[in-house]
């Protein structure tokens, strides 16, 4: 097994995840089997209960693991399927070591950070690196390990020590260290000092950078490269300039142009030739740069102040718009601003939010938790339903669509329909708590991971997925009340997807195309399995309808087995 470690310095958020993902994509183009591991130095067991404002999106894996959003980048770029064990946290490692100590596995020894914690980290890496992560089921050849945070953080010290030992354990020919650092522009001069200090911290931890990835606004000057080479003891040919680019799909080509794959292969003693070019990524980049038309999608949420909170959603929207050759504009709409005005509500914000909503070609309401902003989401659903605006609701977005329909179409006893999440004592809730979910523990207790959904014939869902079975990832505690399904169905809403196990859990809703151009909701999260080369079908349907490319009223849903093709000739399900 060969290992590539990607560390970072100076500041976080430099693009270690995109660098790791891009390198993996290039090595895959060399014919190698790739896997990824992300190390997060926080004590939380996983990202499941972290606030989106604090940590960004929680990415859900097939096995139900709630992980760092970088695992989503790895999967999208490498077309991989990772597991919960591909995300290592301080909490997971200490939990494992303490459990072994309680069992008596250490035979009475004093359990210490060195060697017990560091050994546990190394053993974890070696074990997980061999897990097959693609359709071939073959053991990976190269494992790319990204160390979260920045070198010098006190939280990362134990992992740096473990990686220092690990380099000695596996041997220099099987270990390559990439260090990503910032080279800021100050008064039109590129400053090397922050990176010099970062490399000093790395060397103090016992690790040496084989390749330096220098992030900068513009291409690096030769003088700056020479200075970094001298003070950081890295050959100038191995000081790589990764400057800002117009779209992230150019990053693999930027690394290839500067011979990074060749350096890595040489460092790892792998006798392979890097590809001369990357046609798939070039085509993707070209489509981003040269769209034919524009489409505006409103994203109605409660974490709109931080785009990373909805990273997979925005990525899936981008994938679909690229495939449709449309320039995507996402309009962020804070759901609380849409709600009925209170004395403390800002009139200008309220008016601005509604103006944004009414100016969109399509609307998406993603998942979320808690009652803040929910009434605004329900109002948004009512607007798009009654004004024939293409709509996609995901998880909570689907649930509020059902609540809105119960209130305004069923009416009568259901005019105050709501969710048990927001009105715990409701006698007849439209959305109910799932009986098997824990009411006392939050971490990892939701309905998580990939679950099969049975899709009915003659529906939008069947048209989009071209299949009667959909495997998609879930993350929720609440579901549509089975007792109200018959009433809502009789009122015109179709439950076109149900859980494959018992058929009592509603997974997909839609309205007939004669009533609405595109009204679609799903309890699962299709954004988690979208990729640049295989866009998610529901997102593709939303984008193409909003962009005027798809008119479902002209499609014979009962007869068709054909769905729109993406940029690579595959259908919307990636086949």
Foldseek 3Di string as FASTA:
>chain_A
DFEEEEAEFDFPPLCSLLLLLLLLLQVVVLVFFEAEAEEALDQDQACQPPDCVVQFAFFFAQVFATHHCSVLSNCQSNVWGADNLSYHYNNNLVVVLVVCVVVCVVVPDDDDLPPRSLVSVLVSCVVRQQQHIHPVRHGGDYYYYYYPDAQPDPSCLSVLLSVLVNCVVVDQLRYAYEYEYEQEQDPNDTHCVRVLVRLVSSVVSVDAHAAYEYEYQDFDDPVSLVVCCVSRVYPSLRHAYDHDDPDSLCRSVSCVVSPVSVSSCVSNVNPTDGDPGDVVSVLLVVLQVQADEAFEEEEEDAPLVDVSNCVLVVQLLVLLCSQVSYHYDYHYAYLLLCDDDDPPHDPVNVVVRVVSLVPHLAYEYEDDADDRSLRSLLVSLVVCLVVQRAYEYEAVGVVSNQLSCQLPQVNDVSVVEDACRHVVPDPDHQKYFDPQFDPPDRPSRFQWRWFKKAFAALDPVCQLQLDRIDTFTAGDGMFGDLVCVVVSVVSFKDQGIAGPPPRSTRAKIWGDLVSHQHDIYGNGDQSSSAHSQARARVSNSNRCSSVVNDGCVPPRRNPDSAYDAGPVRHGNRRD
